[in-house]
Protein backbone atom coordinates (compact mmCIF):
# COMPACT_ATOMS: atom_id res chain seq x y z
CA UNK A 1 -26.03 -81.75 -48.95
CA UNK A 2 -25.30 -84.67 -46.63
CA UNK A 3 -24.07 -83.84 -43.11
CA UNK A 4 -20.98 -85.77 -42.01
CA UNK A 5 -20.24 -84.23 -38.62
CA UNK A 6 -20.23 -81.00 -36.69
CA UNK A 7 -17.19 -79.14 -35.38
CA UNK A 8 -18.00 -79.47 -31.67
CA UNK A 9 -16.95 -82.66 -29.95
CA UNK A 10 -18.97 -84.25 -27.15
CA UNK A 11 -17.68 -83.52 -23.63
CA UNK A 12 -19.30 -86.56 -22.05
CA UNK A 13 -20.47 -89.98 -23.18
CA UNK A 14 -23.95 -89.43 -24.73
CA UNK A 15 -25.51 -92.42 -23.00
CA UNK A 16 -29.12 -91.46 -23.68
CA UNK A 17 -28.46 -90.57 -27.31
CA UNK A 18 -26.85 -93.96 -27.92
CA UNK A 19 -29.70 -95.68 -26.06
CA UNK A 20 -32.32 -93.96 -28.23
CA UNK A 21 -30.46 -94.97 -31.38
CA UNK A 22 -30.13 -98.57 -30.14
CA UNK A 23 -33.84 -98.85 -29.30
CA UNK A 24 -34.81 -97.52 -32.73
CA UNK A 25 -32.50 -99.99 -34.47
CA UNK A 26 -33.73 -102.98 -32.44
CA UNK A 27 -37.38 -102.13 -33.07
CA UNK A 28 -36.72 -101.68 -36.78
CA UNK A 29 -34.99 -105.08 -36.96
CA UNK A 30 -38.13 -106.54 -35.41
CA UNK A 31 -40.22 -104.76 -38.04
CA UNK A 32 -37.98 -106.19 -40.76
CA UNK A 33 -38.66 -109.70 -39.47
CA UNK A 34 -42.42 -109.34 -39.99
CA UNK A 35 -44.33 -110.32 -43.08
CA UNK A 36 -46.17 -107.64 -45.11
CA UNK A 37 -49.54 -108.23 -43.43
CA UNK A 38 -48.04 -108.44 -39.94
CA UNK A 39 -46.04 -105.27 -40.53
CA UNK A 40 -49.11 -103.36 -41.71
CA UNK A 41 -51.01 -104.46 -38.60
CA UNK A 42 -48.07 -103.51 -36.39
CA UNK A 43 -47.83 -100.02 -37.92
CA UNK A 44 -51.58 -99.47 -37.66
CA UNK A 45 -51.50 -100.53 -34.02
CA UNK A 46 -48.51 -98.51 -32.83
CA UNK A 47 -48.44 -95.63 -35.33
CA UNK A 48 -50.19 -92.35 -34.55
CA UNK A 49 -53.25 -92.04 -36.80
CA UNK A 50 -54.74 -88.50 -36.82
CA UNK A 51 -58.20 -89.76 -37.80
CA UNK A 52 -58.38 -91.96 -34.71
CA UNK A 53 -57.55 -89.02 -32.44
CA UNK A 54 -60.48 -87.09 -33.91
CA UNK A 55 -62.79 -90.01 -33.18
CA UNK A 56 -61.58 -90.99 -29.72
CA UNK A 57 -58.79 -89.54 -27.58
CA UNK A 58 -58.19 -92.44 -25.20
CA UNK A 59 -55.11 -93.73 -23.42
CA UNK A 60 -54.45 -96.15 -26.26
CA UNK A 61 -54.25 -93.25 -28.71
CA UNK A 62 -52.08 -91.17 -26.38
CA UNK A 63 -49.68 -94.11 -26.09
CA UNK A 64 -49.15 -94.09 -29.86
CA UNK A 65 -47.67 -90.59 -29.58
CA UNK A 66 -44.71 -92.30 -27.91
CA UNK A 67 -44.61 -95.66 -29.68
CA UNK A 68 -44.83 -94.15 -33.16
CA UNK A 69 -41.59 -92.20 -32.77
CA UNK A 70 -39.66 -95.47 -32.50
CA UNK A 71 -41.03 -96.96 -35.73
CA UNK A 72 -39.59 -96.45 -39.22
CA UNK A 73 -40.75 -97.13 -42.75
CA UNK A 74 -37.51 -98.46 -44.21
CA UNK A 75 -33.74 -98.55 -43.97
CA UNK A 76 -33.31 -95.11 -45.54
CA UNK A 77 -35.84 -93.64 -43.10
CA UNK A 78 -34.06 -95.20 -40.14
CA UNK A 79 -30.49 -94.39 -41.19
CA UNK A 80 -31.18 -90.76 -42.10
CA UNK A 81 -32.91 -90.14 -38.78
CA UNK A 82 -30.34 -91.92 -36.63
CA UNK A 83 -27.44 -90.26 -38.44
CA UNK A 84 -28.87 -86.80 -37.74
CA UNK A 85 -29.41 -87.76 -34.10
CA UNK A 86 -25.85 -89.10 -33.89
CA UNK A 87 -24.38 -85.84 -35.21
CA UNK A 88 -26.41 -83.31 -33.23
CA UNK A 89 -27.82 -85.17 -30.24
CA UNK A 90 -24.61 -85.74 -28.30
CA UNK A 91 -23.90 -82.03 -27.91
CA UNK A 92 -27.46 -81.25 -26.84
CA UNK A 93 -27.30 -84.05 -24.27
CA UNK A 94 -24.04 -82.52 -22.99
CA UNK A 95 -25.78 -79.24 -22.28
CA UNK A 96 -28.94 -80.74 -20.77
CA UNK A 97 -27.71 -83.77 -18.90
CA UNK A 98 -28.90 -87.33 -19.48
CA UNK A 99 -32.29 -87.26 -17.76
CA UNK A 100 -33.36 -83.86 -19.01
CA UNK A 101 -32.31 -84.73 -22.53
CA UNK A 102 -34.49 -87.85 -22.55
CA UNK A 103 -37.54 -85.93 -21.34
CA UNK A 104 -36.82 -83.14 -23.83
CA UNK A 105 -36.51 -85.61 -26.71
CA UNK A 106 -39.79 -87.37 -25.92
CA UNK A 107 -41.65 -84.10 -25.31
CA UNK A 108 -40.51 -82.64 -28.63
CA UNK A 109 -41.61 -85.85 -30.35
CA UNK A 110 -45.08 -85.64 -28.81
CA UNK A 111 -45.46 -81.95 -29.70
CA UNK A 112 -44.32 -82.69 -33.25
CA UNK A 113 -46.95 -85.38 -33.66
CA UNK A 114 -49.69 -83.25 -32.12
CA UNK A 115 -48.79 -80.52 -34.61
CA UNK A 116 -49.25 -82.95 -37.49
CA UNK A 117 -52.52 -84.23 -36.02
CA UNK A 118 -53.82 -80.68 -35.60
CA UNK A 119 -53.03 -79.86 -39.24
CA UNK A 120 -54.27 -83.21 -40.63
CA UNK A 121 -57.12 -84.34 -38.33
CA UNK A 122 -58.83 -86.44 -41.01
CA UNK A 123 -55.77 -88.33 -42.25
CA UNK A 124 -56.05 -92.14 -41.97
CA UNK A 125 -52.31 -92.59 -42.61
CA UNK A 126 -50.27 -93.73 -39.58
CA UNK A 127 -47.49 -91.32 -38.64
CA UNK A 128 -44.22 -93.04 -37.74
CA UNK A 129 -40.60 -92.04 -37.30
CA UNK A 130 -38.25 -90.23 -34.96
CA UNK A 131 -37.89 -87.16 -37.17
CA UNK A 132 -40.29 -85.02 -35.13
CA UNK A 133 -38.30 -85.58 -31.94
CA UNK A 134 -35.01 -85.15 -33.80
CA UNK A 135 -36.30 -81.88 -35.24
CA UNK A 136 -36.61 -80.70 -31.65
CA UNK A 137 -32.98 -81.68 -31.07
CA UNK A 138 -31.98 -79.64 -34.14
CA UNK A 139 -33.87 -76.62 -32.82
CA UNK A 140 -32.10 -76.91 -29.47
CA UNK A 141 -28.73 -77.33 -31.18
CA UNK A 142 -29.28 -74.13 -33.14
CA UNK A 143 -29.86 -72.18 -29.92
CA UNK A 144 -27.08 -73.81 -27.90
CA UNK A 145 -24.34 -73.86 -30.55
CA UNK A 146 -24.91 -70.94 -32.93
CA UNK A 147 -21.19 -70.75 -33.78
CA UNK A 148 -20.89 -74.41 -34.75
CA UNK A 149 -20.24 -75.52 -38.30
CA UNK A 150 -21.56 -78.58 -40.12
CA UNK A 151 -19.21 -80.43 -42.44
CA UNK A 152 -21.29 -81.59 -45.39
CA UNK A 153 -20.72 -83.72 -48.45
CA UNK A 154 -21.88 -82.06 -51.66
CA UNK A 155 -21.75 -84.26 -54.79
CA UNK A 156 -20.30 -82.16 -57.61
CA UNK A 157 -20.25 -83.88 -61.01
CA UNK A 158 -19.92 -87.25 -59.25
CA UNK A 159 -16.97 -85.98 -57.20
CA UNK A 160 -17.10 -85.54 -53.40
CA UNK A 161 -16.88 -81.93 -52.25
CA UNK A 162 -16.60 -81.26 -48.54
CA UNK A 163 -17.93 -77.94 -47.30
CA UNK A 164 -18.08 -76.40 -43.82
CA UNK A 165 -21.40 -74.62 -43.42
CA UNK A 166 -22.35 -72.52 -40.37
CA UNK A 167 -24.94 -74.45 -38.36
CA UNK A 168 -27.18 -71.38 -38.37
CA UNK A 169 -27.35 -71.48 -42.17
CA UNK A 170 -27.55 -75.26 -42.45
CA UNK A 171 -30.33 -75.72 -39.89
CA UNK A 172 -32.07 -72.52 -40.93
CA UNK A 173 -32.21 -73.70 -44.53
CA UNK A 174 -33.44 -77.09 -43.38
CA UNK A 175 -36.27 -75.55 -41.36
CA UNK A 176 -37.35 -73.25 -44.19
CA UNK A 177 -37.44 -76.23 -46.57
CA UNK A 178 -39.65 -78.18 -44.13
CA UNK A 179 -41.99 -75.20 -43.76
CA UNK A 180 -42.16 -74.68 -47.52
CA UNK A 181 -42.92 -78.36 -48.14
CA UNK A 182 -45.53 -78.30 -45.38
CA UNK A 183 -47.30 -75.34 -46.97
CA UNK A 184 -47.10 -76.99 -50.38
CA UNK A 185 -48.50 -80.22 -48.94
CA UNK A 186 -51.65 -78.36 -47.91
CA UNK A 187 -52.38 -77.77 -51.60
CA UNK A 188 -51.91 -81.37 -52.76
CA UNK A 189 -54.69 -83.85 -53.40
CA UNK A 190 -53.16 -86.59 -51.25
CA UNK A 191 -53.49 -86.96 -47.48
CA UNK A 192 -53.77 -83.42 -46.14
CA UNK A 193 -50.49 -82.02 -44.84
CA UNK A 194 -48.28 -84.69 -46.38
CA UNK A 195 -46.24 -84.63 -49.55
CA UNK A 196 -44.08 -87.50 -50.69
CA UNK A 197 -45.18 -89.53 -47.68
CA UNK A 198 -43.55 -87.10 -45.23
CA UNK A 199 -45.27 -85.45 -42.25
CA UNK A 200 -43.69 -82.04 -42.83
CA UNK A 201 -45.67 -80.31 -40.12
CA UNK A 202 -44.32 -82.72 -37.52
CA UNK A 203 -40.84 -81.49 -38.46
CA UNK A 204 -41.95 -77.87 -38.20
CA UNK A 205 -43.67 -78.43 -34.85
CA UNK A 206 -40.76 -80.40 -33.43
CA UNK A 207 -38.20 -77.79 -34.46
CA UNK A 208 -40.29 -74.97 -32.98
CA UNK A 209 -40.71 -76.96 -29.77
CA UNK A 210 -36.94 -77.40 -29.54
CA UNK A 211 -36.35 -73.68 -29.99
CA UNK A 212 -38.82 -72.84 -27.23
CA UNK A 213 -38.12 -75.61 -24.71
CA UNK A 214 -34.32 -75.57 -24.82
CA UNK A 215 -34.23 -72.69 -22.35
CA UNK A 216 -36.12 -74.79 -19.82
CA UNK A 217 -34.05 -77.96 -20.19
CA UNK A 218 -30.52 -76.59 -20.67
CA UNK A 219 -28.49 -76.61 -17.47
CA UNK A 220 -27.78 -73.19 -16.01
CA UNK A 221 -24.78 -74.06 -13.86
CA UNK A 222 -21.42 -72.47 -14.64
CA UNK A 223 -19.62 -74.52 -17.26
CA UNK A 224 -16.09 -74.59 -18.58
CA UNK A 225 -15.30 -72.41 -21.55
CA UNK A 226 -14.59 -74.43 -24.70
CA UNK A 227 -12.92 -72.60 -27.60
CA UNK A 228 -14.41 -74.84 -30.30
CA UNK A 229 -17.89 -73.66 -29.34
CA UNK A 230 -16.96 -70.11 -30.30
CA UNK A 231 -14.23 -70.45 -32.93
CA UNK A 232 -14.85 -73.88 -34.51
CA UNK A 233 -12.49 -73.21 -37.41
């Protein structure tokens, strides 16, 4: 299932969401300009390495909790993350406001990475990507827009099939799949807590952080009533 869009339109220009996407793209283009050795050094320097946290928790290591969430391992990694942020982030920013949304995004990213580090303290593999922070956005979206639907593309015998799925089911299934893969990763012989090169527990931690923190960051002022947030069909 590939998400195409949700059924709730943005009420305001999602300035911060677009800015986050732009920064990620620009940094990835810089990564793409590096040679293999330079790129490896760059990732080791700015990625969050659990093993290094176990050895020394200094300011340089804390900084990587932020820098790592703006790095990506390839075009597919970047596009999939930015597409999810594009679909779900604008609505969450609407509800939180620009400044709160930025703080929320970064905080969820940090919590996601700390979750992965806690589960995999001996891993020497750098953790990179925005998926932990975006997982927090997904968790917040689930709480804020439980009646939304996600229009997805389902390939059926090489033919496109478009299906509207309730966001509760779509995001709930996504979270369960991340949790299942995270548990399975604990049984593999590779780097502890990873499977297929994915930091599953960062996704789990980020999503949980979003569920918990959304109540703090969502604006409580009286808002207009929008029908598509209750009857999206």
